[in-house]
Amino acid sequence: MAGWICNGIPKDNKPHPEQHTSGEHEPYENFGSDCVICGLSKEAIVGGSKVPIKIIAAATTGVVVVAILLWILYKIFNSDSPSQDLVNDNLVTPNPSPTSATTSTSNSSVSISPPPKITTYRTFTDVSDIPQMNVRYGGSTSFAPLRTPQNLPQMELLIEQAHPDFNLIYTEPPPGIKPGSGAGIQMLLDSQLSVAQSSRPLKEKEYESAKTRGFALEQHAVAIDGIALYVNPEISIPGLTAAQVKDIYTGKITNWNQVGGPNLPITPFSRDPEDGGTPEFFREKVLSGESLASFVQPYVRDTTESLRKVASTPGGIGYATASEVCNQSTIRPFPLARRQGQSFVEPCVGEIVNQAAFASDSYPITRRLFVIIKRDGTLDEQAGVAYTNLLLSDEGQEIVDQVGLVRIR
């Protein structure tokens, strides 16, 4: 199927119900019936009219005749040209190198040299080698506090004040795909993003997928995060051990009276481990790779739905990145201990994340947050390195601290 370009502006300049993201966006080449960026249909962009076949045939014939005449003239005046010209005449193109892989976005069509490096800076303004471009980014929902921190300027706004032509655009996955680390990494592989955010390390299959496409993926830790567990406010328990949490989510503990609480069935909520870095990390590290109990389904879409479900369900329990939990009044975060007999450690201090416990690793469930860079020798690579350098700058790490995550440096 031939590709078509969408920039978010319908041909008739009228509202279209299928468009889920309004306004102009960077031109993007699509191969399906709808734009993956904004949802506009192909007909809304290119229009329904068609050129008559006779006109197309006549135009094609004319182009062919002119091309033949130009080729004859070229051969007459360049008969002594070196053999390399014959390679170009026969349209022989060398295989692209791993650092200049051809992709479907305009950001990926411009090569850069030499490869940009990860470097620490003091302020956003100090960060150099910032490309002038629209930067589509997305992935892990654990980065949400950096996008919409309460009572703080958004990091994107501060970055754009320092670098006005570095336009950060948060991009949701295509319809039907839930947001999360895995979705963001796949979108990066598919050239739908310039940079991805992940709450888990890259997998071997993702490294291999990039390699087969002619480029490399690279991860850089930019923050430390803790996962907080929370319950319906009516549940009163001193805390749980990591083993008890595992037994609840794998179906071995099913009533709160088994862990010192009321005689009430436990109703655990979770996102799909196949959709996001946080539930995948929870399954691998907290559940030791065991599957979630069947009654945990249906899965919730995101943290917002999990918070709402736990708040309205007697006996409900959920988990999420602590910075999204500590300031919530409709649920109750509770402390954890690594094992029986050890002290419980709170994930929150009032409405603030217990950063000291996360930094010292005394809290049982912590992990690192990563920026994923696409090393393909194009502007997307330059954007990924620039975004990482901004987050790792002194100013970036201060904002990481302020929004409830823990600085990595």
Protein backbone atom coordinates (compact mmCIF):
# COMPACT_ATOMS: atom_id res chain seq x y z
CA MET A 1 0.00 0.00 0.00
CA ALA A 2 1.30 3.44 -0.91
CA GLY A 3 2.03 5.79 1.94
CA TRP A 4 0.30 9.12 2.54
CA ILE A 5 1.31 12.12 4.62
CA CYS A 6 -0.77 13.63 7.44
CA ASN A 7 -0.01 16.86 9.32
CA GLY A 8 -3.18 16.94 11.44
CA ILE A 9 -4.97 19.57 9.30
CA PRO A 10 -8.03 18.22 7.38
CA LYS A 11 -8.34 19.29 3.76
CA ASP A 12 -11.72 20.90 4.42
CA ASN A 13 -10.56 22.55 7.71
CA LYS A 14 -13.61 21.13 9.47
CA PRO A 15 -13.86 19.01 12.68
CA HIS A 16 -13.69 15.24 12.13
CA PRO A 17 -15.05 12.92 14.84
CA GLU A 18 -12.36 10.28 14.25
CA GLN A 19 -9.56 12.77 15.04
CA HIS A 20 -8.56 12.08 18.67
CA THR A 21 -5.68 14.60 18.75
CA SER A 22 -6.60 17.96 17.24
CA GLY A 23 -4.27 20.55 15.81
CA GLU A 24 -1.30 20.50 13.48
CA HIS A 25 1.46 17.96 14.10
CA GLU A 26 4.70 17.08 12.35
CA PRO A 27 4.10 15.54 8.89
CA TYR A 28 3.95 11.74 9.28
CA GLU A 29 3.88 9.04 6.60
CA ASN A 30 1.06 6.52 7.15
CA PHE A 31 0.32 3.24 5.41
CA GLY A 32 -3.10 2.40 6.87
CA SER A 33 -6.49 4.05 6.54
CA ASP A 34 -6.05 6.37 9.56
CA CYS A 35 -3.20 8.56 10.81
CA VAL A 36 -1.45 6.91 13.79
CA ILE A 37 -0.71 10.32 15.30
CA CYS A 38 -4.10 12.06 15.24
CA GLY A 39 -6.62 9.51 13.91
CA LEU A 40 -7.64 11.48 10.80
CA SER A 41 -8.69 9.28 7.89
CA LYS A 42 -6.77 9.24 4.63
CA GLU A 43 -9.81 10.71 2.84
CA ALA A 44 -9.88 13.72 5.19
CA ILE A 45 -6.29 14.60 4.25
CA VAL A 46 -5.95 13.71 0.57
CA GLY A 47 -9.63 14.24 -0.41
CA GLY A 48 -11.92 11.96 -2.35
CA SER A 49 -11.36 13.27 -5.87
CA LYS A 50 -9.30 11.25 -8.32
CA VAL A 51 -7.42 12.25 -11.49
CA PRO A 52 -8.89 10.69 -14.63
CA ILE A 53 -6.91 7.69 -15.89
CA LYS A 54 -6.45 9.24 -19.36
CA ILE A 55 -4.77 12.29 -17.89
CA ILE A 56 -2.50 10.12 -15.76
CA ALA A 57 -1.56 8.01 -18.81
CA ALA A 58 -0.81 11.05 -20.94
CA ALA A 59 1.29 12.65 -18.23
CA THR A 60 3.18 9.41 -17.68
CA THR A 61 3.93 9.04 -21.41
CA GLY A 62 5.24 12.60 -21.58
CA VAL A 63 7.53 12.07 -18.61
CA VAL A 64 8.91 8.87 -20.16
CA VAL A 65 9.64 10.57 -23.52
CA VAL A 66 11.44 13.47 -21.82
CA ALA A 67 13.44 11.06 -19.66
CA ILE A 68 14.58 9.08 -22.76
CA LEU A 69 15.68 12.26 -24.58
CA LEU A 70 17.63 13.45 -21.53
CA TRP A 71 19.31 10.04 -21.19
CA ILE A 72 20.42 10.09 -24.88
CA LEU A 73 21.87 13.59 -24.49
CA TYR A 74 23.61 12.54 -21.29
CA LYS A 75 25.26 9.52 -23.00
CA ILE A 76 26.40 11.67 -25.92
CA PHE A 77 28.10 14.29 -23.76
CA ASN A 78 29.40 11.93 -21.06
CA SER A 79 30.66 8.96 -23.04
CA ASP A 80 34.04 9.13 -21.28
CA SER A 81 32.59 9.18 -17.77
CA PRO A 82 34.12 6.73 -15.26
CA SER A 83 32.39 3.42 -14.52
CA GLN A 84 30.96 4.75 -11.22
CA ASP A 85 28.39 6.76 -13.24
CA LEU A 86 27.01 3.48 -14.59
CA VAL A 87 26.28 2.37 -11.05
CA ASN A 88 24.11 5.45 -10.54
CA ASP A 89 22.44 5.05 -13.96
CA ASN A 90 21.46 1.50 -13.08
CA LEU A 91 20.04 2.67 -9.71
CA VAL A 92 22.39 0.45 -7.71
CA THR A 93 22.28 1.74 -4.12
CA PRO A 94 24.65 0.46 -1.42
CA ASN A 95 23.08 -1.10 1.68
CA PRO A 96 22.48 1.52 4.40
CA SER A 97 24.89 1.40 7.31
CA PRO A 98 23.57 0.68 10.83
CA THR A 99 23.80 4.39 11.72
CA SER A 100 21.77 5.61 8.75
CA ALA A 101 18.81 3.27 8.74
CA THR A 102 15.92 4.49 6.62
CA THR A 103 12.71 5.06 8.60
CA SER A 104 9.32 6.58 7.93
CA THR A 105 9.60 9.85 9.84
CA SER A 106 11.13 13.09 8.62
CA ASN A 107 13.22 13.29 11.80
CA SER A 108 14.89 10.04 10.77
CA SER A 109 15.82 11.20 7.26
CA VAL A 110 18.59 13.59 8.36
CA SER A 111 21.91 12.04 9.33
CA ILE A 112 24.11 13.43 12.09
CA SER A 113 27.83 13.07 12.71
CA PRO A 114 29.64 12.48 15.01
CA PRO A 115 27.30 10.59 17.42
CA PRO A 116 26.15 12.83 20.31
CA LYS A 117 27.29 11.86 23.80
CA ILE A 118 25.71 11.71 27.24
CA THR A 119 27.22 14.56 29.29
CA THR A 120 26.30 16.22 32.58
CA TYR A 121 25.45 19.92 32.65
CA ARG A 122 24.41 22.45 35.28
CA THR A 123 21.26 24.01 33.77
CA PHE A 124 18.88 23.36 30.88
CA THR A 125 20.36 26.36 29.07
CA ASP A 126 23.85 24.88 29.35
CA VAL A 127 22.89 21.70 27.51
CA SER A 128 24.32 21.84 24.01
CA ASP A 129 23.67 20.02 20.71
CA ILE A 130 19.90 20.49 20.97
CA PRO A 131 18.17 19.83 17.61
CA GLN A 132 15.47 22.14 16.28
CA MET A 133 12.57 19.76 15.83
CA ASN A 134 9.31 18.33 17.17
CA VAL A 135 10.18 15.51 19.56
CA ARG A 136 7.50 12.88 20.03
CA TYR A 137 8.03 10.96 23.27
CA GLY A 138 6.02 8.58 25.45
CA GLY A 139 5.95 5.20 27.18
CA SER A 140 6.00 4.55 30.93
CA THR A 141 3.19 6.05 32.99
CA SER A 142 5.66 6.25 35.90
CA PHE A 143 7.08 9.37 34.23
CA ALA A 144 3.69 11.10 34.61
CA PRO A 145 4.83 13.24 37.58
CA LEU A 146 7.44 14.84 35.30
CA ARG A 147 4.76 15.68 32.75
CA THR A 148 2.06 17.02 35.06
CA PRO A 149 3.54 17.71 38.50
CA GLN A 150 1.07 19.33 40.87
CA ASN A 151 1.84 22.92 41.84
CA LEU A 152 5.07 22.89 39.83
CA PRO A 153 5.95 24.14 36.32
CA GLN A 154 5.91 21.29 33.83
CA MET A 155 9.38 20.12 32.89
CA GLU A 156 8.48 20.41 29.19
CA LEU A 157 7.65 24.10 29.67
CA LEU A 158 10.97 24.80 31.40
CA ILE A 159 12.89 22.95 28.70
CA GLU A 160 11.10 24.81 25.92
CA GLN A 161 11.81 28.12 27.65
CA ALA A 162 15.53 27.25 27.53
CA HIS A 163 15.36 25.76 24.01
CA PRO A 164 12.29 27.16 22.17
CA ASP A 165 12.84 25.10 19.01
CA PHE A 166 13.06 21.78 20.91
CA ASN A 167 9.34 21.06 20.94
CA LEU A 168 8.41 18.12 23.21
CA ILE A 169 5.14 16.37 22.28
CA TYR A 170 3.79 13.63 24.56
CA THR A 171 2.35 10.94 22.30
CA GLU A 172 -0.19 8.28 23.30
CA PRO A 173 -0.04 4.81 21.72
CA PRO A 174 -2.29 4.05 18.73
CA PRO A 175 -5.96 3.30 19.55
CA GLY A 176 -6.42 -0.07 21.22
CA ILE A 177 -2.93 -0.15 22.77
CA LYS A 178 -2.53 0.73 26.45
CA PRO A 179 0.22 3.17 27.50
CA GLY A 180 3.29 1.71 29.17
CA SER A 181 6.99 0.99 28.83
CA GLY A 182 6.59 -1.83 26.33
CA ALA A 183 4.27 0.21 24.13
CA GLY A 184 6.67 3.15 24.14
CA ILE A 185 9.67 1.01 23.23
CA GLN A 186 7.73 -0.62 20.39
CA MET A 187 6.69 2.82 19.11
CA LEU A 188 10.35 3.85 19.19
CA LEU A 189 11.29 0.75 17.18
CA ASP A 190 8.50 1.57 14.70
CA SER A 191 9.69 5.20 14.32
CA GLN A 192 6.52 6.59 15.91
CA LEU A 193 8.57 8.21 18.70
CA SER A 194 11.89 10.00 18.84
CA VAL A 195 12.57 8.88 22.42
CA ALA A 196 10.89 6.45 24.86
CA GLN A 197 10.49 6.36 28.63
CA SER A 198 10.64 3.05 30.50
CA SER A 199 10.25 1.88 34.09
CA ARG A 200 12.07 -1.37 33.32
CA PRO A 201 15.34 -2.28 31.58
CA LEU A 202 15.34 -3.18 27.92
CA LYS A 203 14.72 -6.82 27.04
CA GLU A 204 17.03 -8.91 24.89
CA LYS A 205 14.31 -9.29 22.24
CA GLU A 206 14.04 -5.48 22.01
CA TYR A 207 17.80 -5.15 21.51
CA GLU A 208 17.57 -7.83 18.81
CA SER A 209 14.58 -6.19 17.13
CA ALA A 210 16.53 -2.93 16.84
CA LYS A 211 19.58 -4.77 15.49
CA THR A 212 17.56 -6.42 12.72
CA ARG A 213 16.29 -2.97 11.70
CA GLY A 214 19.80 -1.59 11.39
CA PHE A 215 20.21 0.45 14.58
CA ALA A 216 20.78 0.04 18.32
CA LEU A 217 18.81 0.86 21.45
CA GLU A 218 20.49 2.36 24.51
CA GLN A 219 19.07 2.88 28.01
CA HIS A 220 20.08 5.53 30.57
CA ALA A 221 18.78 5.66 34.14
CA VAL A 222 17.54 9.16 35.04
CA ALA A 223 15.65 8.59 38.33
CA ILE A 224 14.82 6.13 41.12
CA ASP A 225 11.23 5.25 41.92
CA GLY A 226 9.41 3.18 44.54
CA ILE A 227 6.21 1.20 44.11
CA ALA A 228 3.61 1.90 46.80
CA LEU A 229 0.80 -0.46 47.72
CA TYR A 230 -2.50 1.03 48.88
CA VAL A 231 -5.81 -0.20 50.23
CA ASN A 232 -9.37 0.93 50.71
CA PRO A 233 -9.39 3.38 53.68
CA GLU A 234 -11.57 0.96 55.70
CA ILE A 235 -8.74 -1.60 55.81
CA SER A 236 -6.57 -1.15 58.91
CA ILE A 237 -3.39 -3.24 59.01
CA PRO A 238 0.07 -2.41 60.39
CA GLY A 239 1.71 -3.43 57.13
CA LEU A 240 2.61 -6.40 54.94
CA THR A 241 5.78 -8.31 54.14
CA ALA A 242 6.88 -8.76 50.54
CA ALA A 243 5.96 -12.46 50.83
CA GLN A 244 2.41 -11.58 51.96
CA VAL A 245 1.98 -9.21 49.02
CA LYS A 246 3.07 -12.01 46.71
CA ASP A 247 0.62 -14.45 48.31
CA ILE A 248 -2.25 -11.96 47.93
CA TYR A 249 -1.64 -11.38 44.24
CA THR A 250 -1.05 -15.07 43.45
CA GLY A 251 -4.21 -16.14 45.27
CA LYS A 252 -2.78 -17.85 48.37
CA ILE A 253 -4.11 -15.19 50.78
CA THR A 254 -7.71 -14.21 50.03
CA ASN A 255 -9.08 -12.62 53.23
CA TRP A 256 -7.78 -9.66 55.22
CA ASN A 257 -8.17 -11.58 58.49
CA GLN A 258 -5.26 -13.79 57.33
CA VAL A 259 -2.89 -10.81 57.71
CA GLY A 260 -4.32 -9.13 60.80
CA GLY A 261 -7.16 -7.22 59.17
CA PRO A 262 -10.97 -7.50 59.21
CA ASN A 263 -12.94 -10.50 58.02
CA LEU A 264 -13.31 -9.23 54.48
CA PRO A 265 -12.41 -10.75 51.10
CA ILE A 266 -9.35 -9.23 49.43
CA THR A 267 -9.96 -7.72 45.98
CA PRO A 268 -6.62 -7.04 44.26
CA PHE A 269 -6.35 -4.74 41.23
CA SER A 270 -3.55 -4.60 38.66
CA ARG A 271 -2.71 -3.39 35.20
CA ASP A 272 -1.89 -6.04 32.59
CA PRO A 273 1.76 -7.13 33.03
CA GLU A 274 2.03 -7.36 29.26
CA ASP A 275 1.14 -3.69 28.82
CA GLY A 276 3.31 -1.72 31.23
CA GLY A 277 6.71 -1.62 32.89
CA THR A 278 5.32 -1.22 36.43
CA PRO A 279 3.03 -4.31 36.41
CA GLU A 280 5.71 -6.28 34.57
CA PHE A 281 8.31 -5.29 37.19
CA PHE A 282 5.80 -6.15 39.94
CA ARG A 283 5.25 -9.61 38.48
CA GLU A 284 8.96 -10.34 37.94
CA LYS A 285 10.37 -8.89 41.19
CA VAL A 286 7.56 -9.02 43.74
CA LEU A 287 5.80 -12.16 42.50
CA SER A 288 9.11 -13.84 41.53
CA GLY A 289 7.81 -14.38 38.01
CA GLU A 290 4.59 -16.13 39.08
CA SER A 291 1.35 -15.32 37.29
CA LEU A 292 -1.30 -13.12 38.83
CA ALA A 293 -4.30 -15.00 40.23
CA SER A 294 -7.15 -15.35 37.76
CA PHE A 295 -9.51 -13.27 39.92
CA VAL A 296 -7.22 -10.22 39.55
CA GLN A 297 -8.72 -9.76 36.10
CA PRO A 298 -10.21 -7.81 34.44
CA TYR A 299 -7.14 -5.60 34.49
CA VAL A 300 -7.42 -1.84 35.02
CA ARG A 301 -6.24 0.43 32.21
CA ASP A 302 -4.05 2.76 34.26
CA THR A 303 -3.24 4.09 37.74
CA THR A 304 -6.20 6.46 37.73
CA GLU A 305 -8.64 3.58 37.28
CA SER A 306 -6.81 1.50 39.91
CA LEU A 307 -7.07 4.30 42.48
CA ARG A 308 -10.77 4.74 41.74
CA LYS A 309 -11.48 1.00 41.97
CA VAL A 310 -9.62 0.55 45.27
CA ALA A 311 -11.31 3.60 46.77
CA SER A 312 -14.79 2.27 45.91
CA THR A 313 -14.20 -1.43 46.70
CA PRO A 314 -14.27 -2.66 50.31
CA GLY A 315 -11.26 -4.95 50.64
CA GLY A 316 -9.57 -3.42 47.59
CA ILE A 317 -5.77 -3.27 47.16
CA GLY A 318 -3.62 -1.85 44.36
CA TYR A 319 -0.11 -0.66 43.56
CA ALA A 320 1.50 2.13 41.53
CA THR A 321 4.52 4.41 41.43
CA ALA A 322 4.65 6.14 44.82
CA SER A 323 4.67 9.67 43.44
CA GLU A 324 1.21 9.03 41.97
CA VAL A 325 -0.12 7.62 45.27
CA CYS A 326 1.16 9.62 48.24
CA ASN A 327 -0.97 12.72 47.63
CA GLN A 328 -4.22 10.77 47.15
CA SER A 329 -6.89 11.14 49.87
CA THR A 330 -9.32 8.43 48.74
CA ILE A 331 -6.98 5.47 49.44
CA ARG A 332 -4.48 4.57 52.17
CA PRO A 333 -0.85 3.68 51.38
CA PHE A 334 0.61 1.18 53.86
CA PRO A 335 4.16 0.19 54.91
CA LEU A 336 6.11 -2.86 53.77
CA ALA A 337 8.86 -5.06 55.20
CA ARG A 338 11.26 -7.21 53.23
CA ARG A 339 10.61 -10.23 55.43
CA GLN A 340 8.95 -11.34 58.65
CA GLY A 341 10.49 -9.77 61.76
CA GLN A 342 11.93 -6.72 59.99
CA SER A 343 10.63 -3.20 60.49
CA PHE A 344 7.89 -1.86 58.24
CA VAL A 345 8.95 1.07 56.02
CA GLU A 346 6.43 3.66 54.82
CA PRO A 347 6.37 4.59 51.11
CA CYS A 348 5.07 8.06 52.00
CA VAL A 349 5.79 10.67 54.63
CA GLY A 350 2.46 12.47 54.81
CA GLU A 351 1.68 13.41 51.22
CA ILE A 352 5.34 13.27 50.17
CA VAL A 353 7.30 10.31 48.83
CA ASN A 354 9.73 8.75 51.33
CA GLN A 355 12.73 9.66 49.19
CA ALA A 356 15.27 8.82 51.91
CA ALA A 357 13.98 5.24 52.14
CA PHE A 358 13.99 4.87 48.35
CA ALA A 359 17.51 6.30 48.01
CA SER A 360 18.91 4.08 50.79
CA ASP A 361 17.09 1.01 49.44
CA SER A 362 15.53 0.36 52.85
CA TYR A 363 12.09 0.34 51.21
CA PRO A 364 11.52 -3.13 49.70
CA ILE A 365 10.26 -2.23 46.20
CA THR A 366 12.37 0.28 44.29
CA ARG A 367 13.53 0.43 40.68
CA ARG A 368 15.22 2.78 38.19
CA LEU A 369 13.50 4.77 35.46
CA PHE A 370 15.14 4.89 32.03
CA VAL A 371 15.23 7.03 28.91
CA ILE A 372 15.56 4.83 25.81
CA ILE A 373 17.64 6.26 22.95
CA LYS A 374 17.55 5.11 19.34
CA ARG A 375 21.14 5.08 18.04
CA ASP A 376 20.44 5.39 14.32
CA GLY A 377 22.59 8.37 13.36
CA THR A 378 19.62 10.67 12.74
CA LEU A 379 17.91 13.60 14.42
CA ASP A 380 15.94 11.15 16.56
CA GLU A 381 19.21 9.99 18.11
CA GLN A 382 20.27 13.58 18.69
CA ALA A 383 16.90 14.32 20.32
CA GLY A 384 17.15 11.27 22.57
CA VAL A 385 20.61 12.21 23.79
CA ALA A 386 19.57 15.83 24.29
CA TYR A 387 16.49 14.80 26.31
CA THR A 388 18.62 12.50 28.47
CA ASN A 389 21.20 15.23 29.07
CA LEU A 390 18.44 17.62 30.09
CA LEU A 391 17.04 15.16 32.66
CA LEU A 392 20.53 14.37 33.99
CA SER A 393 21.53 18.03 34.33
CA ASP A 394 21.61 19.56 37.81
CA GLU A 395 18.41 21.47 37.01
CA GLY A 396 16.72 18.34 35.65
CA GLN A 397 17.65 16.26 38.71
CA GLU A 398 16.30 18.97 41.00
CA ILE A 399 12.93 18.74 39.24
CA VAL A 400 13.08 14.94 39.50
CA ASP A 401 13.44 15.41 43.26
CA GLN A 402 10.66 17.99 43.49
CA VAL A 403 8.02 15.83 41.77
CA GLY A 404 8.49 12.87 44.13
CA LEU A 405 11.02 10.73 42.28
CA VAL A 406 14.59 10.26 43.53
CA ARG A 407 17.55 11.78 41.71
CA ILE A 408 20.03 9.36 40.17
CA ARG A 409 23.01 11.74 40.58
